[in-house]
Amino acid sequence: MYYTIGEVAKMFNLTPSTIRYYDKEGLLPFVERQSGIRKFSQDDVNMLKTIECLKETGMPIKDIKIFSQWCLEGDCTLNERLEMFYQRREIVKQQMADLQDIMDHIEYKCNYYEKAVAANSESIHKNSTKKEINESISI
């Protein structure tokens, strides 16, 4: 079974022009063409899912291109691909920790403003610590 560029674009909530860009940049060198029309196999769709995943981690297109080339080279690049995913995993763990810090601050601010709204003033917080503000609101 093959998919058209439009069908693949819908699967990933992308535009066909984005997929064409990926192809132009060398991320999709394995996609077959028939009379100039791209035909996407299920393997191609799976690869595009990996490309989108890597992109979401912040990986630059030039590095994703290297990964695509490694895939084309076959088993001789398995170690490089594994190492790349180990590196991406560490980057995502750090991104998650950074997001948790952001969430903690947002929670703090929610607690702060809930308390201020209840008191109809921010003055209640003038001498309070962040810990005291968080502990003063039980959710």
N, C-alpha and C. Protein backbone atom coordinates (compact mmCIF):
# COMPACT_ATOMS: atom_id res chain seq x y z
N MET A 1 0.84 -1.18 0.00
CA MET A 1 0.00 0.00 0.00
C MET A 1 0.88 1.24 0.00
N TYR A 2 0.53 2.19 -0.80
CA TYR A 2 1.25 3.45 -0.88
C TYR A 2 0.33 4.61 -0.53
N TYR A 3 0.94 5.68 -0.02
CA TYR A 3 0.20 6.88 0.34
C TYR A 3 0.68 8.04 -0.53
N THR A 4 -0.21 8.97 -0.79
CA THR A 4 0.15 10.19 -1.52
C THR A 4 0.76 11.18 -0.53
N ILE A 5 1.38 12.20 -1.07
CA ILE A 5 1.96 13.23 -0.21
C ILE A 5 0.87 13.92 0.62
N GLY A 6 -0.31 14.09 0.05
CA GLY A 6 -1.42 14.70 0.78
C GLY A 6 -1.87 13.84 1.94
N GLU A 7 -1.95 12.53 1.72
CA GLU A 7 -2.36 11.63 2.79
C GLU A 7 -1.33 11.62 3.92
N VAL A 8 -0.06 11.61 3.55
CA VAL A 8 1.00 11.61 4.56
C VAL A 8 1.01 12.93 5.32
N ALA A 9 0.80 14.01 4.61
CA ALA A 9 0.76 15.33 5.25
C ALA A 9 -0.35 15.36 6.31
N LYS A 10 -1.51 14.81 5.98
CA LYS A 10 -2.62 14.79 6.95
C LYS A 10 -2.28 13.93 8.17
N MET A 11 -1.60 12.80 7.95
CA MET A 11 -1.22 11.92 9.07
C MET A 11 -0.40 12.66 10.12
N PHE A 12 0.46 13.58 9.66
CA PHE A 12 1.39 14.25 10.56
C PHE A 12 1.04 15.72 10.80
N ASN A 13 -0.12 16.12 10.30
CA ASN A 13 -0.54 17.52 10.43
C ASN A 13 0.54 18.46 9.88
N LEU A 14 1.05 18.09 8.72
CA LEU A 14 2.04 18.88 8.00
C LEU A 14 1.44 19.34 6.69
N THR A 15 2.10 20.26 6.05
CA THR A 15 1.68 20.64 4.70
C THR A 15 2.49 19.82 3.70
N PRO A 16 1.93 19.58 2.53
CA PRO A 16 2.71 18.90 1.50
C PRO A 16 4.02 19.62 1.19
N SER A 17 4.01 20.95 1.27
CA SER A 17 5.25 21.69 0.99
C SER A 17 6.33 21.40 2.04
N THR A 18 5.93 21.14 3.27
CA THR A 18 6.90 20.77 4.31
C THR A 18 7.54 19.43 3.97
N ILE A 19 6.73 18.49 3.53
CA ILE A 19 7.27 17.18 3.15
C ILE A 19 8.18 17.32 1.93
N ARG A 20 7.80 18.15 0.98
CA ARG A 20 8.66 18.40 -0.18
C ARG A 20 9.99 19.02 0.27
N TYR A 21 9.93 19.92 1.24
CA TYR A 21 11.14 20.54 1.79
C TYR A 21 12.04 19.46 2.41
N TYR A 22 11.46 18.58 3.22
CA TYR A 22 12.24 17.49 3.80
C TYR A 22 12.92 16.67 2.71
N ASP A 23 12.18 16.40 1.65
CA ASP A 23 12.73 15.62 0.54
C ASP A 23 13.88 16.39 -0.11
N LYS A 24 13.67 17.67 -0.36
CA LYS A 24 14.69 18.52 -0.98
C LYS A 24 15.96 18.58 -0.12
N GLU A 25 15.77 18.58 1.21
CA GLU A 25 16.91 18.65 2.13
C GLU A 25 17.60 17.30 2.34
N GLY A 26 17.07 16.26 1.71
CA GLY A 26 17.72 14.95 1.79
C GLY A 26 17.28 14.08 2.95
N LEU A 27 16.17 14.44 3.60
CA LEU A 27 15.69 13.63 4.73
C LEU A 27 14.90 12.42 4.28
N LEU A 28 14.42 12.44 3.05
CA LEU A 28 13.56 11.36 2.54
C LEU A 28 14.12 10.77 1.24
N PRO A 29 15.40 10.40 1.22
CA PRO A 29 15.98 9.93 -0.04
C PRO A 29 15.46 8.57 -0.50
N PHE A 30 14.74 7.90 0.32
CA PHE A 30 14.27 6.54 0.06
C PHE A 30 12.87 6.50 -0.55
N VAL A 31 12.19 7.65 -0.59
CA VAL A 31 10.82 7.70 -1.11
C VAL A 31 10.83 7.46 -2.62
N GLU A 32 10.01 6.52 -3.05
CA GLU A 32 9.91 6.21 -4.48
C GLU A 32 9.09 7.26 -5.20
N ARG A 33 9.35 7.36 -6.50
CA ARG A 33 8.56 8.25 -7.35
C ARG A 33 8.06 7.44 -8.55
N GLN A 34 6.86 7.77 -8.93
CA GLN A 34 6.28 7.16 -10.13
C GLN A 34 5.75 8.30 -10.98
N SER A 35 6.35 8.48 -12.14
CA SER A 35 6.02 9.61 -13.03
C SER A 35 6.16 10.94 -12.29
N GLY A 36 7.19 11.04 -11.44
CA GLY A 36 7.45 12.27 -10.71
C GLY A 36 6.63 12.46 -9.45
N ILE A 37 5.70 11.55 -9.19
CA ILE A 37 4.83 11.65 -8.01
C ILE A 37 5.41 10.79 -6.88
N ARG A 38 5.53 11.39 -5.71
CA ARG A 38 6.06 10.64 -4.56
C ARG A 38 5.04 9.59 -4.10
N LYS A 39 5.56 8.38 -3.86
CA LYS A 39 4.74 7.29 -3.33
C LYS A 39 5.35 6.88 -1.99
N PHE A 40 4.58 7.02 -0.93
CA PHE A 40 5.08 6.73 0.42
C PHE A 40 4.61 5.36 0.88
N SER A 41 5.57 4.49 1.18
CA SER A 41 5.24 3.18 1.73
C SER A 41 5.05 3.32 3.24
N GLN A 42 4.63 2.24 3.88
CA GLN A 42 4.48 2.28 5.34
C GLN A 42 5.84 2.50 6.00
N ASP A 43 6.90 1.94 5.44
CA ASP A 43 8.25 2.19 5.97
C ASP A 43 8.61 3.67 5.88
N ASP A 44 8.22 4.31 4.76
CA ASP A 44 8.48 5.74 4.60
C ASP A 44 7.72 6.54 5.66
N VAL A 45 6.49 6.15 5.90
CA VAL A 45 5.67 6.82 6.92
C VAL A 45 6.31 6.65 8.30
N ASN A 46 6.80 5.45 8.59
CA ASN A 46 7.47 5.21 9.87
C ASN A 46 8.73 6.07 10.00
N MET A 47 9.48 6.20 8.90
CA MET A 47 10.67 7.04 8.92
C MET A 47 10.30 8.50 9.14
N LEU A 48 9.23 8.93 8.50
CA LEU A 48 8.79 10.32 8.69
C LEU A 48 8.38 10.56 10.14
N LYS A 49 7.79 9.56 10.77
CA LYS A 49 7.44 9.67 12.20
C LYS A 49 8.72 9.87 13.03
N THR A 50 9.76 9.14 12.70
CA THR A 50 11.04 9.30 13.41
C THR A 50 11.63 10.68 13.15
N ILE A 51 11.56 11.13 11.91
CA ILE A 51 12.06 12.46 11.57
C ILE A 51 11.32 13.53 12.38
N GLU A 52 10.01 13.43 12.43
CA GLU A 52 9.22 14.39 13.20
C GLU A 52 9.56 14.32 14.69
N CYS A 53 9.78 13.13 15.19
CA CYS A 53 10.16 12.96 16.59
C CYS A 53 11.49 13.67 16.86
N LEU A 54 12.47 13.43 15.99
CA LEU A 54 13.78 14.06 16.16
C LEU A 54 13.67 15.57 16.07
N LYS A 55 12.86 16.03 15.14
CA LYS A 55 12.65 17.48 14.99
C LYS A 55 12.05 18.07 16.26
N GLU A 56 11.10 17.37 16.86
CA GLU A 56 10.46 17.85 18.09
C GLU A 56 11.45 17.94 19.25
N THR A 57 12.53 17.17 19.20
CA THR A 57 13.54 17.25 20.26
C THR A 57 14.48 18.43 20.05
N GLY A 58 14.30 19.12 18.92
CA GLY A 58 15.17 20.25 18.62
C GLY A 58 16.36 19.89 17.75
N MET A 59 16.38 18.67 17.25
CA MET A 59 17.52 18.26 16.41
C MET A 59 17.49 19.05 15.10
N PRO A 60 18.65 19.61 14.71
CA PRO A 60 18.70 20.37 13.45
C PRO A 60 18.50 19.46 12.23
N ILE A 61 17.95 20.05 11.18
CA ILE A 61 17.70 19.32 9.93
C ILE A 61 18.98 18.67 9.41
N LYS A 62 20.11 19.37 9.52
CA LYS A 62 21.37 18.80 8.99
C LYS A 62 21.74 17.51 9.72
N ASP A 63 21.43 17.42 11.01
CA ASP A 63 21.72 16.19 11.76
C ASP A 63 20.70 15.10 11.45
N ILE A 64 19.47 15.49 11.21
CA ILE A 64 18.46 14.50 10.81
C ILE A 64 18.83 13.92 9.45
N LYS A 65 19.39 14.75 8.60
CA LYS A 65 19.85 14.27 7.28
C LYS A 65 20.93 13.21 7.45
N ILE A 66 21.85 13.44 8.36
CA ILE A 66 22.90 12.45 8.63
C ILE A 66 22.27 11.14 9.09
N PHE A 67 21.28 11.23 9.98
CA PHE A 67 20.59 10.03 10.43
C PHE A 67 19.94 9.30 9.25
N SER A 68 19.28 10.04 8.36
CA SER A 68 18.65 9.43 7.18
C SER A 68 19.69 8.73 6.32
N GLN A 69 20.84 9.34 6.17
CA GLN A 69 21.90 8.72 5.38
C GLN A 69 22.41 7.44 6.04
N TRP A 70 22.54 7.49 7.37
CA TRP A 70 22.96 6.29 8.09
C TRP A 70 21.98 5.15 7.85
N CYS A 71 20.69 5.47 7.85
CA CYS A 71 19.67 4.44 7.60
C CYS A 71 19.86 3.82 6.23
N LEU A 72 20.17 4.65 5.26
CA LEU A 72 20.40 4.13 3.90
C LEU A 72 21.65 3.26 3.83
N GLU A 73 22.65 3.58 4.63
CA GLU A 73 23.90 2.82 4.62
C GLU A 73 23.73 1.44 5.24
N GLY A 74 22.72 1.26 6.05
CA GLY A 74 22.42 -0.06 6.58
C GLY A 74 23.08 -0.37 7.92
N ASP A 75 23.25 -1.66 8.16
CA ASP A 75 23.70 -2.16 9.45
C ASP A 75 25.06 -1.64 9.90
N CYS A 76 25.89 -1.22 8.99
CA CYS A 76 27.22 -0.74 9.38
C CYS A 76 27.15 0.55 10.20
N THR A 77 25.97 1.19 10.26
CA THR A 77 25.81 2.43 11.03
C THR A 77 24.93 2.25 12.26
N LEU A 78 24.66 1.03 12.63
CA LEU A 78 23.78 0.80 13.80
C LEU A 78 24.33 1.45 15.06
N ASN A 79 25.63 1.35 15.29
CA ASN A 79 26.22 1.95 16.50
C ASN A 79 26.06 3.47 16.51
N GLU A 80 26.25 4.11 15.36
CA GLU A 80 26.09 5.56 15.29
C GLU A 80 24.65 5.95 15.57
N ARG A 81 23.71 5.21 15.01
CA ARG A 81 22.30 5.53 15.24
C ARG A 81 21.92 5.33 16.69
N LEU A 82 22.41 4.25 17.30
CA LEU A 82 22.12 4.01 18.71
C LEU A 82 22.68 5.15 19.57
N GLU A 83 23.91 5.53 19.31
CA GLU A 83 24.53 6.62 20.07
C GLU A 83 23.76 7.93 19.89
N MET A 84 23.28 8.19 18.68
CA MET A 84 22.50 9.39 18.43
C MET A 84 21.23 9.39 19.28
N PHE A 85 20.56 8.24 19.36
CA PHE A 85 19.33 8.18 20.16
C PHE A 85 19.63 8.27 21.65
N TYR A 86 20.77 7.75 22.09
CA TYR A 86 21.17 7.95 23.49
C TYR A 86 21.33 9.44 23.77
N GLN A 87 21.97 10.16 22.85
CA GLN A 87 22.16 11.60 23.02
C GLN A 87 20.82 12.33 23.03
N ARG A 88 19.93 11.96 22.12
CA ARG A 88 18.62 12.61 22.07
C ARG A 88 17.85 12.35 23.36
N ARG A 89 17.97 11.13 23.89
CA ARG A 89 17.29 10.81 25.14
C ARG A 89 17.74 11.73 26.26
N GLU A 90 19.04 11.97 26.36
CA GLU A 90 19.55 12.85 27.40
C GLU A 90 19.06 14.29 27.20
N ILE A 91 19.01 14.71 25.95
CA ILE A 91 18.52 16.06 25.65
C ILE A 91 17.05 16.18 26.06
N VAL A 92 16.25 15.18 25.74
CA VAL A 92 14.83 15.23 26.10
C VAL A 92 14.65 15.18 27.61
N LYS A 93 15.47 14.40 28.31
CA LYS A 93 15.39 14.39 29.78
C LYS A 93 15.64 15.78 30.33
N GLN A 94 16.62 16.48 29.77
CA GLN A 94 16.91 17.84 30.23
C GLN A 94 15.77 18.78 29.89
N GLN A 95 15.18 18.62 28.69
CA GLN A 95 14.03 19.45 28.31
C GLN A 95 12.88 19.22 29.28
N MET A 96 12.66 17.97 29.67
CA MET A 96 11.59 17.66 30.61
C MET A 96 11.86 18.29 31.98
N ALA A 97 13.12 18.25 32.42
CA ALA A 97 13.47 18.88 33.70
C ALA A 97 13.27 20.39 33.62
N ASP A 98 13.65 20.97 32.49
CA ASP A 98 13.45 22.41 32.30
C ASP A 98 11.96 22.76 32.32
N LEU A 99 11.15 21.94 31.66
CA LEU A 99 9.70 22.17 31.66
C LEU A 99 9.13 22.00 33.07
N GLN A 100 9.66 21.07 33.84
CA GLN A 100 9.19 20.91 35.22
C GLN A 100 9.50 22.15 36.04
N ASP A 101 10.67 22.73 35.84
CA ASP A 101 11.01 23.98 36.53
C ASP A 101 10.02 25.09 36.15
N ILE A 102 9.68 25.15 34.88
CA ILE A 102 8.71 26.14 34.42
C ILE A 102 7.35 25.89 35.07
N MET A 103 6.93 24.63 35.10
CA MET A 103 5.64 24.29 35.71
C MET A 103 5.65 24.63 37.19
N ASP A 104 6.74 24.35 37.88
CA ASP A 104 6.82 24.68 39.30
C ASP A 104 6.65 26.19 39.51
N HIS A 105 7.26 26.99 38.65
CA HIS A 105 7.12 28.44 38.79
C HIS A 105 5.69 28.87 38.50
N ILE A 106 5.07 28.29 37.50
CA ILE A 106 3.68 28.61 37.19
C ILE A 106 2.77 28.23 38.36
N GLU A 107 3.00 27.07 38.95
CA GLU A 107 2.21 26.66 40.13
C GLU A 107 2.40 27.65 41.27
N TYR A 108 3.64 28.07 41.46
CA TYR A 108 3.92 29.06 42.50
C TYR A 108 3.12 30.34 42.24
N LYS A 109 3.16 30.81 40.98
CA LYS A 109 2.44 32.03 40.64
C LYS A 109 0.92 31.85 40.79
N CYS A 110 0.40 30.69 40.46
CA CYS A 110 -1.03 30.43 40.67
C CYS A 110 -1.35 30.54 42.16
N ASN A 111 -0.54 29.90 42.99
CA ASN A 111 -0.76 29.97 44.44
C ASN A 111 -0.65 31.40 44.94
N TYR A 112 0.35 32.10 44.46
CA TYR A 112 0.57 33.49 44.85
C TYR A 112 -0.66 34.34 44.55
N TYR A 113 -1.15 34.25 43.30
CA TYR A 113 -2.27 35.10 42.91
C TYR A 113 -3.59 34.62 43.51
N GLU A 114 -3.76 33.33 43.76
CA GLU A 114 -4.96 32.86 44.44
C GLU A 114 -5.03 33.48 45.84
N LYS A 115 -3.89 33.46 46.51
CA LYS A 115 -3.83 34.05 47.87
C LYS A 115 -4.06 35.57 47.81
N ALA A 116 -3.45 36.22 46.84
CA ALA A 116 -3.60 37.67 46.71
C ALA A 116 -5.04 38.04 46.36
N VAL A 117 -5.67 37.27 45.49
CA VAL A 117 -7.07 37.54 45.13
C VAL A 117 -7.96 37.33 46.35
N ALA A 118 -7.71 36.25 47.09
CA ALA A 118 -8.52 35.99 48.29
C ALA A 118 -8.39 37.12 49.30
N ALA A 119 -7.20 37.72 49.41
CA ALA A 119 -6.96 38.82 50.34
C ALA A 119 -7.27 40.18 49.71
N ASN A 120 -7.54 40.15 48.41
CA ASN A 120 -7.80 41.38 47.64
C ASN A 120 -6.61 42.33 47.68
N SER A 121 -5.41 41.74 47.81
CA SER A 121 -4.19 42.56 47.86
C SER A 121 -2.96 41.66 47.75
N GLU A 122 -1.91 42.20 47.14
CA GLU A 122 -0.63 41.49 47.12
C GLU A 122 0.17 41.75 48.39
N SER A 123 -0.24 42.70 49.17
CA SER A 123 0.55 43.07 50.35
C SER A 123 0.72 41.92 51.33
N ILE A 124 -0.19 40.96 51.27
CA ILE A 124 -0.09 39.80 52.16
C ILE A 124 1.19 39.01 51.92
N HIS A 125 1.78 39.16 50.73
CA HIS A 125 2.98 38.40 50.35
C HIS A 125 4.28 39.15 50.59
N LYS A 126 4.21 40.36 51.05
CA LYS A 126 5.42 41.18 51.16
C LYS A 126 6.56 40.48 51.90
N ASN A 127 6.28 39.80 52.96
CA ASN A 127 7.34 39.16 53.75
C ASN A 127 7.27 37.64 53.69
N SER A 128 6.52 37.09 52.74
CA SER A 128 6.38 35.64 52.63
C SER A 128 7.42 35.06 51.68
N THR A 129 7.88 33.86 52.00
CA THR A 129 8.79 33.15 51.09
C THR A 129 7.96 32.35 50.10
N LYS A 130 8.63 31.90 49.05
CA LYS A 130 7.97 31.09 48.03
C LYS A 130 7.38 29.83 48.69
N LYS A 131 8.13 29.21 49.59
CA LYS A 131 7.67 28.00 50.26
C LYS A 131 6.43 28.29 51.10
N GLU A 132 6.43 29.40 51.83
CA GLU A 132 5.29 29.75 52.66
C GLU A 132 4.04 30.00 51.82
N ILE A 133 4.22 30.64 50.68
CA ILE A 133 3.07 30.90 49.81
C ILE A 133 2.49 29.60 49.30
N ASN A 134 3.36 28.69 48.84
CA ASN A 134 2.87 27.41 48.35
C ASN A 134 2.20 26.59 49.44
N GLU A 135 2.74 26.66 50.66
CA GLU A 135 2.14 25.89 51.75
C GLU A 135 0.84 26.50 52.26
N SER A 136 0.66 27.79 52.03
CA SER A 136 -0.54 28.46 52.54
C SER A 136 -1.79 28.12 51.75
N ILE A 137 -1.62 27.60 50.54
CA ILE A 137 -2.76 27.21 49.70
C ILE A 137 -2.74 25.70 49.57
N SER A 138 -3.76 25.08 50.08
CA SER A 138 -3.88 23.63 49.92
C SER A 138 -4.87 23.34 48.82
N ILE A 139 -4.39 22.58 47.84
CA ILE A 139 -5.28 22.27 46.71
C ILE A 139 -5.63 20.81 46.77
